[in-house]
């Protein structure tokens, strides 16, 4: 589980930066707290389905892209 959280965090950070959004901006658009974004990006929290949907909407990407990028990141991740 921790591995998946780290991978999700890396994907989220990359997508957020690609959109030139701060953690605060993303949090506002997704309706979550900035510290939650930080913890997700650090792999210290597990995202809920509700937050995944909100984050994808805030990033203006389909869920399928988010999960596809996560799948690639998990495949790349070697402990």
PDB file of N, CA and C in Angstrom:
ATOM      1  N   UNK A   1       0.819  -1.199   0.000  1.00  0.00           N
ATOM      2  CA  UNK A   1       0.000   0.000   0.000  1.00  0.00           C
ATOM      3  C   UNK A   1       0.861   1.261   0.000  1.00  0.00           C
ATOM      4  N   UNK A   2       1.915   1.284   0.832  1.00  0.00           N
ATOM      5  CA  UNK A   2       2.782   2.464   0.879  1.00  0.00           C
ATOM      6  C   UNK A   2       3.405   2.748  -0.484  1.00  0.00           C
ATOM      7  N   UNK A   3       3.769   1.686  -1.173  1.00  0.00           N
ATOM      8  CA  UNK A   3       4.361   1.840  -2.509  1.00  0.00           C
ATOM      9  C   UNK A   3       3.375   2.537  -3.440  1.00  0.00           C
ATOM     10  N   UNK A   4       2.128   2.112  -3.400  1.00  0.00           N
ATOM     11  CA  UNK A   4       1.113   2.721  -4.260  1.00  0.00           C
ATOM     12  C   UNK A   4       0.867   4.177  -3.876  1.00  0.00           C
ATOM     13  N   UNK A   5       0.918   4.470  -2.587  1.00  0.00           N
ATOM     14  CA  UNK A   5       0.748   5.856  -2.141  1.00  0.00           C
ATOM     15  C   UNK A   5       1.883   6.732  -2.656  1.00  0.00           C
ATOM     16  N   UNK A   6       3.116   6.222  -2.597  1.00  0.00           N
ATOM     17  CA  UNK A   6       4.263   6.984  -3.124  1.00  0.00           C
ATOM     18  C   UNK A   6       4.100   7.230  -4.620  1.00  0.00           C
ATOM     19  N   UNK A   7       3.686   6.216  -5.334  1.00  0.00           N
ATOM     20  CA  UNK A   7       3.502   6.348  -6.780  1.00  0.00           C
ATOM     21  C   UNK A   7       2.400   7.349  -7.098  1.00  0.00           C
ATOM     22  N   UNK A   8       1.290   7.258  -6.375  1.00  0.00           N
ATOM     23  CA  UNK A   8       0.198   8.211  -6.590  1.00  0.00           C
ATOM     24  C   UNK A   8       0.695   9.627  -6.329  1.00  0.00           C
ATOM     25  N   UNK A   9       1.459   9.801  -5.276  1.00  0.00           N
ATOM     26  CA  UNK A   9       1.986  11.119  -4.943  1.00  0.00           C
ATOM     27  C   UNK A   9       2.873  11.694  -6.030  1.00  0.00           C
ATOM     28  N   UNK A  10       3.730  10.861  -6.594  1.00  0.00           N
ATOM     29  CA  UNK A  10       4.605  11.338  -7.677  1.00  0.00           C
ATOM     30  C   UNK A  10       3.788  11.740  -8.903  1.00  0.00           C
ATOM     31  N   UNK A  11       2.776  10.951  -9.225  1.00  0.00           N
ATOM     32  CA  UNK A  11       1.916  11.271 -10.367  1.00  0.00           C
ATOM     33  C   UNK A  11       1.166  12.576 -10.111  1.00  0.00           C
ATOM     34  N   UNK A  12       0.596  12.696  -8.925  1.00  0.00           N
ATOM     35  CA  UNK A  12      -0.157  13.905  -8.593  1.00  0.00           C
ATOM     36  C   UNK A  12       0.736  15.140  -8.676  1.00  0.00           C
ATOM     37  N   UNK A  13       1.930  15.071  -8.106  1.00  0.00           N
ATOM     38  CA  UNK A  13       2.855  16.208  -8.146  1.00  0.00           C
ATOM     39  C   UNK A  13       3.214  16.569  -9.591  1.00  0.00           C
ATOM     40  N   UNK A  14       3.514  15.564 -10.391  1.00  0.00           N
ATOM     41  CA  UNK A  14       3.881  15.820 -11.791  1.00  0.00           C
ATOM     42  C   UNK A  14       2.729  16.490 -12.548  1.00  0.00           C
ATOM     43  N   UNK A  15       1.515  15.960 -12.381  1.00  0.00           N
ATOM     44  CA  UNK A  15       0.362  16.535 -13.078  1.00  0.00           C
ATOM     45  C   UNK A  15       0.077  17.956 -12.597  1.00  0.00           C
ATOM     46  N   UNK A  16       0.186  18.176 -11.302  1.00  0.00           N
ATOM     47  CA  UNK A  16      -0.053  19.514 -10.740  1.00  0.00           C
ATOM     48  C   UNK A  16       0.956  20.507 -11.297  1.00  0.00           C
ATOM     49  N   UNK A  17       2.213  20.120 -11.318  1.00  0.00           N
ATOM     50  CA  UNK A  17       3.252  21.013 -11.837  1.00  0.00           C
ATOM     51  C   UNK A  17       3.082  21.255 -13.332  1.00  0.00           C
ATOM     52  N   UNK A  18       2.674  20.222 -14.071  1.00  0.00           N
ATOM     53  CA  UNK A  18       2.420  20.391 -15.505  1.00  0.00           C
ATOM     54  C   UNK A  18       1.337  21.436 -15.761  1.00  0.00           C
ATOM     55  N   UNK A  19       0.393  21.545 -14.828  1.00  0.00           N
ATOM     56  CA  UNK A  19      -0.696  22.527 -14.940  1.00  0.00           C
ATOM     57  C   UNK A  19      -0.311  23.876 -14.321  1.00  0.00           C
ATOM     58  N   UNK A  20       0.932  23.975 -13.825  1.00  0.00           N
ATOM     59  CA  UNK A  20       1.430  25.208 -13.194  1.00  0.00           C
ATOM     60  C   UNK A  20       0.541  25.641 -12.032  1.00  0.00           C
ATOM     61  N   UNK A  21       0.141  24.657 -11.220  1.00  0.00           N
ATOM     62  CA  UNK A  21      -0.685  24.927 -10.047  1.00  0.00           C
ATOM     63  C   UNK A  21       0.136  24.745  -8.779  1.00  0.00           C
ATOM     64  N   UNK A  22      -0.104  25.596  -7.812  1.00  0.00           N
ATOM     65  CA  UNK A  22       0.483  25.388  -6.489  1.00  0.00           C
ATOM     66  C   UNK A  22      -0.363  24.343  -5.768  1.00  0.00           C
ATOM     67  N   UNK A  23       0.164  23.829  -4.681  1.00  0.00           N
ATOM     68  CA  UNK A  23      -0.629  22.898  -3.878  1.00  0.00           C
ATOM     69  C   UNK A  23      -1.903  23.585  -3.396  1.00  0.00           C
ATOM     70  N   UNK A  24      -1.786  24.838  -3.015  1.00  0.00           N
ATOM     71  CA  UNK A  24      -2.954  25.585  -2.536  1.00  0.00           C
ATOM     72  C   UNK A  24      -4.000  25.727  -3.634  1.00  0.00           C
ATOM     73  N   UNK A  25      -3.569  26.071  -4.852  1.00  0.00           N
ATOM     74  CA  UNK A  25      -4.512  26.218  -5.963  1.00  0.00           C
ATOM     75  C   UNK A  25      -5.229  24.904  -6.248  1.00  0.00           C
ATOM     76  N   UNK A  26      -4.478  23.816  -6.284  1.00  0.00           N
ATOM     77  CA  UNK A  26      -5.091  22.514  -6.532  1.00  0.00           C
ATOM     78  C   UNK A  26      -6.077  22.173  -5.424  1.00  0.00           C
ATOM     79  N   UNK A  27      -5.688  22.434  -4.192  1.00  0.00           N
ATOM     80  CA  UNK A  27      -6.567  22.142  -3.058  1.00  0.00           C
ATOM     81  C   UNK A  27      -7.879  22.909  -3.165  1.00  0.00           C
ATOM     82  N   UNK A  28      -7.796  24.183  -3.513  1.00  0.00           N
ATOM     83  CA  UNK A  28      -9.005  25.002  -3.649  1.00  0.00           C
ATOM     84  C   UNK A  28      -9.906  24.432  -4.735  1.00  0.00           C
ATOM     85  N   UNK A  29      -9.338  24.115  -5.895  1.00  0.00           N
ATOM     86  CA  UNK A  29     -10.134  23.591  -7.012  1.00  0.00           C
ATOM     87  C   UNK A  29     -10.732  22.221  -6.701  1.00  0.00           C
ATOM     88  N   UNK A  30     -10.031  21.427  -5.902  1.00  0.00           N
ATOM     89  CA  UNK A  30     -10.505  20.076  -5.576  1.00  0.00           C
ATOM     90  C   UNK A  30     -11.369  20.044  -4.313  1.00  0.00           C
ATOM     91  N   UNK A  31     -11.416  21.147  -3.585  1.00  0.00           N
ATOM     92  CA  UNK A  31     -12.222  21.196  -2.371  1.00  0.00           C
ATOM     93  C   UNK A  31     -11.633  20.418  -1.208  1.00  0.00           C
ATOM     94  N   UNK A  32     -10.299  20.402  -1.145  1.00  0.00           N
ATOM     95  CA  UNK A  32      -9.606  19.719  -0.044  1.00  0.00           C
ATOM     96  C   UNK A  32      -8.613  20.692   0.584  1.00  0.00           C
ATOM     97  N   UNK A  33      -8.024  20.301   1.679  1.00  0.00           N
ATOM     98  CA  UNK A  33      -7.049  21.135   2.366  1.00  0.00           C
ATOM     99  C   UNK A  33      -5.673  21.015   1.704  1.00  0.00           C
ATOM    100  N   UNK A  34      -4.903  22.098   1.732  1.00  0.00           N
ATOM    101  CA  UNK A  34      -3.569  22.073   1.136  1.00  0.00           C
ATOM    102  C   UNK A  34      -2.675  21.028   1.790  1.00  0.00           C
ATOM    103  N   UNK A  35      -2.816  20.844   3.091  1.00  0.00           N
ATOM    104  CA  UNK A  35      -1.977  19.846   3.759  1.00  0.00           C
ATOM    105  C   UNK A  35      -2.305  18.441   3.271  1.00  0.00           C
ATOM    106  N   UNK A  36      -3.548  18.202   2.881  1.00  0.00           N
ATOM    107  CA  UNK A  36      -3.930  16.900   2.324  1.00  0.00           C
ATOM    108  C   UNK A  36      -3.183  16.661   1.009  1.00  0.00           C
ATOM    109  N   UNK A  37      -3.111  17.690   0.169  1.00  0.00           N
ATOM    110  CA  UNK A  37      -2.359  17.579  -1.091  1.00  0.00           C
ATOM    111  C   UNK A  37      -0.901  17.260  -0.788  1.00  0.00           C
ATOM    112  N   UNK A  38      -0.325  17.966   0.162  1.00  0.00           N
ATOM    113  CA  UNK A  38       1.067  17.735   0.538  1.00  0.00           C
ATOM    114  C   UNK A  38       1.280  16.302   1.003  1.00  0.00           C
ATOM    115  N   UNK A  39       0.411  15.816   1.866  1.00  0.00           N
ATOM    116  CA  UNK A  39       0.541  14.446   2.375  1.00  0.00           C
ATOM    117  C   UNK A  39       0.367  13.413   1.266  1.00  0.00           C
ATOM    118  N   UNK A  40      -0.545  13.672   0.333  1.00  0.00           N
ATOM    119  CA  UNK A  40      -0.706  12.762  -0.806  1.00  0.00           C
ATOM    120  C   UNK A  40       0.566  12.734  -1.640  1.00  0.00           C
ATOM    121  N   UNK A  41       1.104  13.907  -1.944  1.00  0.00           N
ATOM    122  CA  UNK A  41       2.303  13.976  -2.778  1.00  0.00           C
ATOM    123  C   UNK A  41       3.504  13.319  -2.114  1.00  0.00           C
ATOM    124  N   UNK A  42       3.544  13.340  -0.805  1.00  0.00           N
ATOM    125  CA  UNK A  42       4.631  12.692  -0.067  1.00  0.00           C
ATOM    126  C   UNK A  42       4.392  11.197   0.127  1.00  0.00           C
ATOM    127  N   UNK A  43       3.223  10.713  -0.277  1.00  0.00           N
ATOM    128  CA  UNK A  43       2.900   9.295  -0.118  1.00  0.00           C
ATOM    129  C   UNK A  43       2.533   8.912   1.299  1.00  0.00           C
ATOM    130  N   UNK A  44       2.163   9.894   2.101  1.00  0.00           N
ATOM    131  CA  UNK A  44       1.851   9.634   3.509  1.00  0.00           C
ATOM    132  C   UNK A  44       0.366   9.459   3.784  1.00  0.00           C
ATOM    133  N   UNK A  45      -0.460   9.655   2.763  1.00  0.00           N
ATOM    134  CA  UNK A  45      -1.899   9.448   2.903  1.00  0.00           C
ATOM    135  C   UNK A  45      -2.388   8.641   1.714  1.00  0.00           C
ATOM    136  N   UNK A  46      -3.423   7.858   1.951  1.00  0.00           N
ATOM    137  CA  UNK A  46      -4.081   7.124   0.876  1.00  0.00           C
ATOM    138  C   UNK A  46      -5.246   7.966   0.373  1.00  0.00           C
ATOM    139  N   UNK A  47      -5.328   8.195  -0.927  1.00  0.00           N
ATOM    140  CA  UNK A  47      -6.440   8.995  -1.436  1.00  0.00           C
ATOM    141  C   UNK A  47      -7.741   8.200  -1.393  1.00  0.00           C
ATOM    142  N   UNK A  48      -8.819   8.895  -1.117  1.00  0.00           N
ATOM    143  CA  UNK A  48     -10.135   8.263  -1.190  1.00  0.00           C
ATOM    144  C   UNK A  48     -10.616   8.339  -2.635  1.00  0.00           C
ATOM    145  N   UNK A  49     -11.589   7.528  -2.967  1.00  0.00           N
ATOM    146  CA  UNK A  49     -12.153   7.589  -4.314  1.00  0.00           C
ATOM    147  C   UNK A  49     -12.731   8.974  -4.572  1.00  0.00           C
ATOM    148  N   UNK A  50     -13.389   9.526  -3.573  1.00  0.00           N
ATOM    149  CA  UNK A  50     -13.965  10.864  -3.707  1.00  0.00           C
ATOM    150  C   UNK A  50     -12.881  11.897  -4.013  1.00  0.00           C
ATOM    151  N   UNK A  51     -11.750  11.816  -3.324  1.00  0.00           N
ATOM    152  CA  UNK A  51     -10.688  12.791  -3.570  1.00  0.00           C
ATOM    153  C   UNK A  51     -10.018  12.558  -4.924  1.00  0.00           C
ATOM    154  N   UNK A  52      -9.907  11.319  -5.350  1.00  0.00           N
ATOM    155  CA  UNK A  52      -9.331  11.032  -6.669  1.00  0.00           C
ATOM    156  C   UNK A  52     -10.184  11.667  -7.761  1.00  0.00           C
ATOM    157  N   UNK A  53     -11.493  11.515  -7.647  1.00  0.00           N
ATOM    158  CA  UNK A  53     -12.410  12.114  -8.625  1.00  0.00           C
ATOM    159  C   UNK A  53     -12.277  13.638  -8.604  1.00  0.00           C
ATOM    160  N   UNK A  54     -12.237  14.226  -7.409  1.00  0.00           N
ATOM    161  CA  UNK A  54     -12.119  15.681  -7.280  1.00  0.00           C
ATOM    162  C   UNK A  54     -10.785  16.186  -7.827  1.00  0.00           C
ATOM    163  N   UNK A  55      -9.716  15.462  -7.567  1.00  0.00           N
ATOM    164  CA  UNK A  55      -8.399  15.869  -8.058  1.00  0.00           C
ATOM    165  C   UNK A  55      -8.332  15.803  -9.582  1.00  0.00           C
ATOM    166  N   UNK A  56      -8.862  14.748 -10.167  1.00  0.00           N
ATOM    167  CA  UNK A  56      -8.872  14.640 -11.627  1.00  0.00           C
ATOM    168  C   UNK A  56      -9.663  15.794 -12.236  1.00  0.00           C
ATOM    169  N   UNK A  57     -10.810  16.112 -11.646  1.00  0.00           N
ATOM    170  CA  UNK A  57     -11.615  17.230 -12.148  1.00  0.00           C
ATOM    171  C   UNK A  57     -10.853  18.547 -12.010  1.00  0.00           C
ATOM    172  N   UNK A  58     -10.190  18.747 -10.882  1.00  0.00           N
ATOM    173  CA  UNK A  58      -9.427  19.975 -10.659  1.00  0.00           C
ATOM    174  C   UNK A  58      -8.262  20.097 -11.638  1.00  0.00           C
ATOM    175  N   UNK A  59      -7.684  18.963 -12.005  1.00  0.00           N
ATOM    176  CA  UNK A  59      -6.581  18.943 -12.967  1.00  0.00           C
ATOM    177  C   UNK A  59      -7.074  18.945 -14.414  1.00  0.00           C
ATOM    178  N   UNK A  60      -8.400  18.855 -14.580  1.00  0.00           N
ATOM    179  CA  UNK A  60      -9.042  18.851 -15.903  1.00  0.00           C
ATOM    180  C   UNK A  60      -8.552  17.697 -16.768  1.00  0.00           C
ATOM    181  N   UNK A  61      -8.466  16.529 -16.128  1.00  0.00           N
ATOM    182  CA  UNK A  61      -8.081  15.319 -16.849  1.00  0.00           C
ATOM    183  C   UNK A  61      -9.095  14.223 -16.545  1.00  0.00           C
ATOM    184  N   UNK A  62      -9.284  13.295 -17.475  1.00  0.00           N
ATOM    185  CA  UNK A  62     -10.184  12.175 -17.186  1.00  0.00           C
ATOM    186  C   UNK A  62      -9.550  11.217 -16.177  1.00  0.00           C
ATOM    187  N   UNK A  63     -10.390  10.543 -15.442  1.00  0.00           N
ATOM    188  CA  UNK A  63      -9.893   9.542 -14.493  1.00  0.00           C
ATOM    189  C   UNK A  63      -9.022   8.512 -15.187  1.00  0.00           C
ATOM    190  N   UNK A  64      -9.383   8.172 -16.413  1.00  0.00           N
ATOM    191  CA  UNK A  64      -8.612   7.160 -17.142  1.00  0.00           C
ATOM    192  C   UNK A  64      -7.158   7.592 -17.313  1.00  0.00           C
ATOM    193  N   UNK A  65      -6.919   8.876 -17.546  1.00  0.00           N
ATOM    194  CA  UNK A  65      -5.529   9.349 -17.676  1.00  0.00           C
ATOM    195  C   UNK A  65      -4.802   9.256 -16.339  1.00  0.00           C
ATOM    196  N   UNK A  66      -5.466   9.658 -15.278  1.00  0.00           N
ATOM    197  CA  UNK A  66      -4.847   9.595 -13.957  1.00  0.00           C
ATOM    198  C   UNK A  66      -4.450   8.166 -13.619  1.00  0.00           C
ATOM    199  N   UNK A  67      -5.360   7.225 -13.851  1.00  0.00           N
ATOM    200  CA  UNK A  67      -5.057   5.830 -13.544  1.00  0.00           C
ATOM    201  C   UNK A  67      -4.022   5.246 -14.504  1.00  0.00           C
ATOM    202  N   UNK A  68      -4.034   5.671 -15.763  1.00  0.00           N
ATOM    203  CA  UNK A  68      -3.025   5.190 -16.713  1.00  0.00           C
ATOM    204  C   UNK A  68      -1.632   5.655 -16.287  1.00  0.00           C
ATOM    205  N   UNK A  69      -1.528   6.913 -15.867  1.00  0.00           N
ATOM    206  CA  UNK A  69      -0.230   7.419 -15.416  1.00  0.00           C
ATOM    207  C   UNK A  69       0.204   6.739 -14.123  1.00  0.00           C
ATOM    208  N   UNK A  70      -0.759   6.446 -13.262  1.00  0.00           N
ATOM    209  CA  UNK A  70      -0.445   5.726 -12.029  1.00  0.00           C
ATOM    210  C   UNK A  70       0.051   4.322 -12.346  1.00  0.00           C
ATOM    211  N   UNK A  71      -0.579   3.662 -13.290  1.00  0.00           N
ATOM    212  CA  UNK A  71      -0.164   2.312 -13.675  1.00  0.00           C
ATOM    213  C   UNK A  71       1.279   2.312 -14.186  1.00  0.00           C
ATOM    214  N   UNK A  72       1.625   3.292 -14.999  1.00  0.00           N
ATOM    215  CA  UNK A  72       2.991   3.405 -15.517  1.00  0.00           C
ATOM    216  C   UNK A  72       3.971   3.657 -14.375  1.00  0.00           C
ATOM    217  N   UNK A  73       3.606   4.541 -13.460  1.00  0.00           N
ATOM    218  CA  UNK A  73       4.484   4.866 -12.322  1.00  0.00           C
ATOM    219  C   UNK A  73       4.705   3.654 -11.431  1.00  0.00           C
ATOM    220  N   UNK A  74       3.666   2.874 -11.202  1.00  0.00           N
ATOM    221  CA  UNK A  74       3.798   1.663 -10.385  1.00  0.00           C
ATOM    222  C   UNK A  74       4.733   0.669 -11.067  1.00  0.00           C
ATOM    223  N   UNK A  75       4.613   0.539 -12.388  1.00  0.00           N
ATOM    224  CA  UNK A  75       5.476  -0.386 -13.128  1.00  0.00           C
ATOM    225  C   UNK A  75       6.941   0.051 -13.062  1.00  0.00           C
ATOM    226  N   UNK A  76       7.174   1.368 -13.027  1.00  0.00           N
ATOM    227  CA  UNK A  76       8.536   1.909 -12.963  1.00  0.00           C
ATOM    228  C   UNK A  76       9.152   1.800 -11.579  1.00  0.00           C
ATOM    229  N   UNK A  77       8.308   1.795 -10.567  1.00  0.00           N
ATOM    230  CA  UNK A  77       8.778   1.849  -9.180  1.00  0.00           C
ATOM    231  C   UNK A  77       9.437   0.538  -8.790  1.00  0.00           C
ATOM    232  N   UNK A  78      10.690   0.643  -8.411  1.00  0.00           N
ATOM    233  CA  UNK A  78      11.436  -0.528  -7.960  1.00  0.00           C
ATOM    234  C   UNK A  78      11.988  -0.211  -6.583  1.00  0.00           C
ATOM    235  N   UNK A  79      11.677  -1.060  -5.621  1.00  0.00           N
ATOM    236  CA  UNK A  79      12.175  -0.840  -4.248  1.00  0.00           C
ATOM    237  C   UNK A  79      13.613  -1.274  -4.112  1.00  0.00           C
TER     238      UNK A  79
END
